[in-house]
């Protein structure tokens, strides 16, 4: 990403990567005491959505939305 991504895409992938790293730390049992699993999963989902949107915009790829965060939250709340 750093080599080929535009600034918006690079920023988005950095945010997504950081959010996933926090989830990994929690899974390994080394998260901060105030770690919030639900908020962290949501941050990772939204980060992925921002990355996909930025990457598709940079590549001028059409075809509709790719966002999954809202869908995932709805599924979690209705299961």
N, C-alpha and C. Protein backbone atom coordinates (compact mmCIF):
# COMPACT_ATOMS: atom_id res chain seq x y z
N UNK A 1 0.81 -1.19 0.00
CA UNK A 1 0.00 0.00 0.00
C UNK A 1 0.85 1.25 0.00
N UNK A 2 1.92 1.24 0.76
CA UNK A 2 2.74 2.45 0.82
C UNK A 2 3.32 2.81 -0.54
N UNK A 3 3.61 1.82 -1.34
CA UNK A 3 4.22 2.06 -2.64
C UNK A 3 3.20 2.54 -3.67
N UNK A 4 2.02 1.94 -3.68
CA UNK A 4 1.06 2.20 -4.75
C UNK A 4 -0.17 3.00 -4.33
N UNK A 5 -0.45 3.08 -3.04
CA UNK A 5 -1.67 3.75 -2.60
C UNK A 5 -1.55 5.26 -2.58
N UNK A 6 -2.67 5.91 -2.84
CA UNK A 6 -2.71 7.36 -2.70
C UNK A 6 -2.81 7.70 -1.20
N UNK A 7 -2.65 8.97 -0.82
CA UNK A 7 -2.64 9.32 0.61
C UNK A 7 -3.89 8.87 1.38
N UNK A 8 -5.07 9.00 0.79
CA UNK A 8 -6.30 8.58 1.48
C UNK A 8 -6.32 7.08 1.72
N UNK A 9 -5.87 6.31 0.73
CA UNK A 9 -5.86 4.86 0.87
C UNK A 9 -4.83 4.43 1.90
N UNK A 10 -3.66 5.04 1.88
CA UNK A 10 -2.62 4.70 2.86
C UNK A 10 -3.10 5.02 4.27
N UNK A 11 -3.71 6.17 4.45
CA UNK A 11 -4.22 6.54 5.78
C UNK A 11 -5.29 5.55 6.24
N UNK A 12 -6.16 5.16 5.33
CA UNK A 12 -7.23 4.22 5.69
C UNK A 12 -6.68 2.85 6.05
N UNK A 13 -5.71 2.37 5.30
CA UNK A 13 -5.16 1.05 5.60
C UNK A 13 -4.38 1.08 6.92
N UNK A 14 -3.74 2.19 7.22
CA UNK A 14 -3.06 2.31 8.51
C UNK A 14 -4.05 2.22 9.66
N UNK A 15 -5.17 2.91 9.56
CA UNK A 15 -6.19 2.87 10.61
C UNK A 15 -6.75 1.46 10.76
N UNK A 16 -7.02 0.81 9.65
CA UNK A 16 -7.56 -0.56 9.68
C UNK A 16 -6.55 -1.50 10.33
N UNK A 17 -5.29 -1.40 9.91
CA UNK A 17 -4.24 -2.26 10.46
C UNK A 17 -4.11 -2.06 11.96
N UNK A 18 -4.17 -0.81 12.42
CA UNK A 18 -4.05 -0.53 13.85
C UNK A 18 -5.23 -1.15 14.61
N UNK A 19 -6.41 -1.04 14.06
CA UNK A 19 -7.59 -1.61 14.72
C UNK A 19 -7.47 -3.13 14.81
N UNK A 20 -7.01 -3.77 13.76
CA UNK A 20 -6.84 -5.22 13.77
C UNK A 20 -5.74 -5.62 14.75
N UNK A 21 -4.68 -4.84 14.84
CA UNK A 21 -3.61 -5.12 15.79
C UNK A 21 -4.14 -5.11 17.22
N UNK A 22 -5.04 -4.18 17.52
CA UNK A 22 -5.61 -4.13 18.86
C UNK A 22 -6.43 -5.40 19.16
N UNK A 23 -7.15 -5.90 18.16
CA UNK A 23 -7.90 -7.14 18.33
C UNK A 23 -6.95 -8.31 18.54
N UNK A 24 -5.86 -8.32 17.80
CA UNK A 24 -4.87 -9.39 17.96
C UNK A 24 -4.27 -9.36 19.37
N UNK A 25 -3.96 -8.16 19.85
CA UNK A 25 -3.41 -8.04 21.21
C UNK A 25 -4.41 -8.59 22.25
N UNK A 26 -5.68 -8.31 22.05
CA UNK A 26 -6.70 -8.83 22.97
C UNK A 26 -6.77 -10.35 22.90
N UNK A 27 -6.71 -10.88 21.69
CA UNK A 27 -6.75 -12.34 21.53
C UNK A 27 -5.55 -13.02 22.19
N UNK A 28 -4.43 -12.31 22.23
CA UNK A 28 -3.23 -12.85 22.86
C UNK A 28 -3.19 -12.60 24.37
N UNK A 29 -4.19 -11.86 24.87
CA UNK A 29 -4.25 -11.58 26.30
C UNK A 29 -3.34 -10.46 26.76
N UNK A 30 -2.95 -9.57 25.84
CA UNK A 30 -2.05 -8.48 26.21
C UNK A 30 -2.65 -7.10 25.92
N UNK A 31 -3.96 -7.03 25.87
CA UNK A 31 -4.64 -5.75 25.61
C UNK A 31 -4.60 -4.89 26.87
N UNK A 32 -4.79 -3.60 26.68
CA UNK A 32 -4.88 -2.67 27.80
C UNK A 32 -6.09 -3.03 28.67
N UNK A 33 -6.05 -2.62 29.93
CA UNK A 33 -7.12 -2.94 30.87
C UNK A 33 -8.48 -2.38 30.43
N UNK A 34 -8.48 -1.26 29.73
CA UNK A 34 -9.74 -0.63 29.33
C UNK A 34 -10.19 -1.05 27.93
N UNK A 35 -9.65 -2.17 27.42
CA UNK A 35 -9.98 -2.65 26.08
C UNK A 35 -11.47 -2.97 25.99
N UNK A 36 -12.11 -2.51 24.92
CA UNK A 36 -13.53 -2.77 24.67
C UNK A 36 -13.64 -3.57 23.38
N UNK A 37 -13.95 -4.86 23.52
CA UNK A 37 -13.97 -5.77 22.37
C UNK A 37 -14.97 -5.32 21.30
N UNK A 38 -16.19 -5.01 21.71
CA UNK A 38 -17.23 -4.64 20.76
C UNK A 38 -16.84 -3.37 19.99
N UNK A 39 -16.38 -2.36 20.70
CA UNK A 39 -15.97 -1.12 20.04
C UNK A 39 -14.77 -1.38 19.11
N UNK A 40 -13.87 -2.26 19.50
CA UNK A 40 -12.70 -2.54 18.68
C UNK A 40 -13.06 -3.30 17.41
N UNK A 41 -13.99 -4.24 17.52
CA UNK A 41 -14.44 -4.95 16.32
C UNK A 41 -15.12 -3.96 15.37
N UNK A 42 -15.93 -3.08 15.93
CA UNK A 42 -16.61 -2.08 15.10
C UNK A 42 -15.59 -1.16 14.42
N UNK A 43 -14.55 -0.75 15.17
CA UNK A 43 -13.50 0.09 14.59
C UNK A 43 -12.79 -0.62 13.44
N UNK A 44 -12.52 -1.90 13.60
CA UNK A 44 -11.87 -2.68 12.54
C UNK A 44 -12.79 -2.81 11.32
N UNK A 45 -14.07 -3.09 11.56
CA UNK A 45 -15.03 -3.20 10.45
C UNK A 45 -15.13 -1.88 9.68
N UNK A 46 -15.25 -0.79 10.42
CA UNK A 46 -15.36 0.52 9.77
C UNK A 46 -14.06 0.90 9.07
N UNK A 47 -12.93 0.52 9.65
CA UNK A 47 -11.65 0.78 9.01
C UNK A 47 -11.51 0.05 7.69
N UNK A 48 -11.96 -1.20 7.67
CA UNK A 48 -11.95 -1.97 6.41
C UNK A 48 -12.83 -1.30 5.38
N UNK A 49 -14.00 -0.83 5.79
CA UNK A 49 -14.90 -0.15 4.86
C UNK A 49 -14.24 1.12 4.30
N UNK A 50 -13.59 1.91 5.17
CA UNK A 50 -12.93 3.13 4.70
C UNK A 50 -11.80 2.79 3.73
N UNK A 51 -11.05 1.74 4.04
CA UNK A 51 -9.97 1.33 3.14
C UNK A 51 -10.53 0.92 1.78
N UNK A 52 -11.55 0.09 1.77
CA UNK A 52 -12.12 -0.37 0.50
C UNK A 52 -12.66 0.81 -0.31
N UNK A 53 -13.33 1.72 0.35
CA UNK A 53 -13.87 2.90 -0.35
C UNK A 53 -12.73 3.74 -0.93
N UNK A 54 -11.68 3.97 -0.13
CA UNK A 54 -10.56 4.78 -0.61
C UNK A 54 -9.83 4.08 -1.76
N UNK A 55 -9.59 2.79 -1.62
CA UNK A 55 -8.88 2.05 -2.66
C UNK A 55 -9.69 2.02 -3.95
N UNK A 56 -10.98 1.76 -3.84
CA UNK A 56 -11.82 1.73 -5.04
C UNK A 56 -11.87 3.11 -5.70
N UNK A 57 -11.93 4.16 -4.89
CA UNK A 57 -11.93 5.51 -5.45
C UNK A 57 -10.64 5.83 -6.15
N UNK A 58 -9.54 5.42 -5.55
CA UNK A 58 -8.23 5.66 -6.15
C UNK A 58 -8.07 4.91 -7.47
N UNK A 59 -8.62 3.71 -7.52
CA UNK A 59 -8.53 2.90 -8.73
C UNK A 59 -9.65 3.18 -9.72
N UNK A 60 -10.57 4.07 -9.34
CA UNK A 60 -11.78 4.38 -10.11
C UNK A 60 -12.56 3.12 -10.46
N UNK A 61 -12.74 2.27 -9.45
CA UNK A 61 -13.51 1.05 -9.61
C UNK A 61 -14.95 1.35 -9.20
N UNK A 62 -15.87 1.10 -10.07
CA UNK A 62 -17.28 1.31 -9.78
C UNK A 62 -17.92 0.02 -9.30
N UNK A 63 -19.22 -0.01 -9.36
CA UNK A 63 -19.93 -1.24 -9.03
C UNK A 63 -20.69 -1.23 -7.74
N UNK A 64 -20.83 -0.09 -7.11
CA UNK A 64 -21.63 -0.04 -5.89
C UNK A 64 -20.79 -0.10 -4.64
N UNK A 65 -21.47 -0.03 -3.52
CA UNK A 65 -20.80 0.00 -2.23
C UNK A 65 -20.26 -1.35 -1.81
N UNK A 66 -19.27 -1.30 -0.96
CA UNK A 66 -18.67 -2.52 -0.43
C UNK A 66 -18.72 -2.55 1.10
N UNK A 67 -19.31 -1.54 1.69
CA UNK A 67 -19.33 -1.42 3.15
C UNK A 67 -20.03 -2.61 3.79
N UNK A 68 -19.43 -3.11 4.85
CA UNK A 68 -19.98 -4.26 5.57
C UNK A 68 -20.26 -3.96 7.04
N UNK A 69 -19.70 -2.89 7.58
CA UNK A 69 -19.80 -2.63 9.02
C UNK A 69 -21.24 -2.55 9.50
N UNK A 70 -22.08 -1.77 8.83
CA UNK A 70 -23.48 -1.63 9.24
C UNK A 70 -24.19 -2.98 9.17
N UNK A 71 -23.95 -3.74 8.10
CA UNK A 71 -24.56 -5.05 7.93
C UNK A 71 -24.13 -5.98 9.06
N UNK A 72 -22.85 -5.96 9.42
CA UNK A 72 -22.35 -6.81 10.49
C UNK A 72 -22.97 -6.43 11.83
N UNK A 73 -23.12 -5.13 12.09
CA UNK A 73 -23.74 -4.69 13.34
C UNK A 73 -25.19 -5.15 13.38
N UNK A 74 -25.91 -5.00 12.27
CA UNK A 74 -27.31 -5.45 12.22
C UNK A 74 -27.42 -6.95 12.46
N UNK A 75 -26.53 -7.72 11.87
CA UNK A 75 -26.53 -9.18 12.06
C UNK A 75 -26.28 -9.54 13.52
N UNK A 76 -25.34 -8.83 14.14
CA UNK A 76 -25.00 -9.11 15.54
C UNK A 76 -26.18 -8.78 16.43
N UNK A 77 -26.86 -7.67 16.16
CA UNK A 77 -27.97 -7.24 17.01
C UNK A 77 -29.20 -8.12 16.83
N UNK A 78 -29.33 -8.75 15.67
CA UNK A 78 -30.53 -9.54 15.38
C UNK A 78 -30.29 -11.05 15.42
N UNK A 79 -29.21 -11.47 16.04
CA UNK A 79 -28.96 -12.92 16.12
C UNK A 79 -29.17 -13.44 17.51
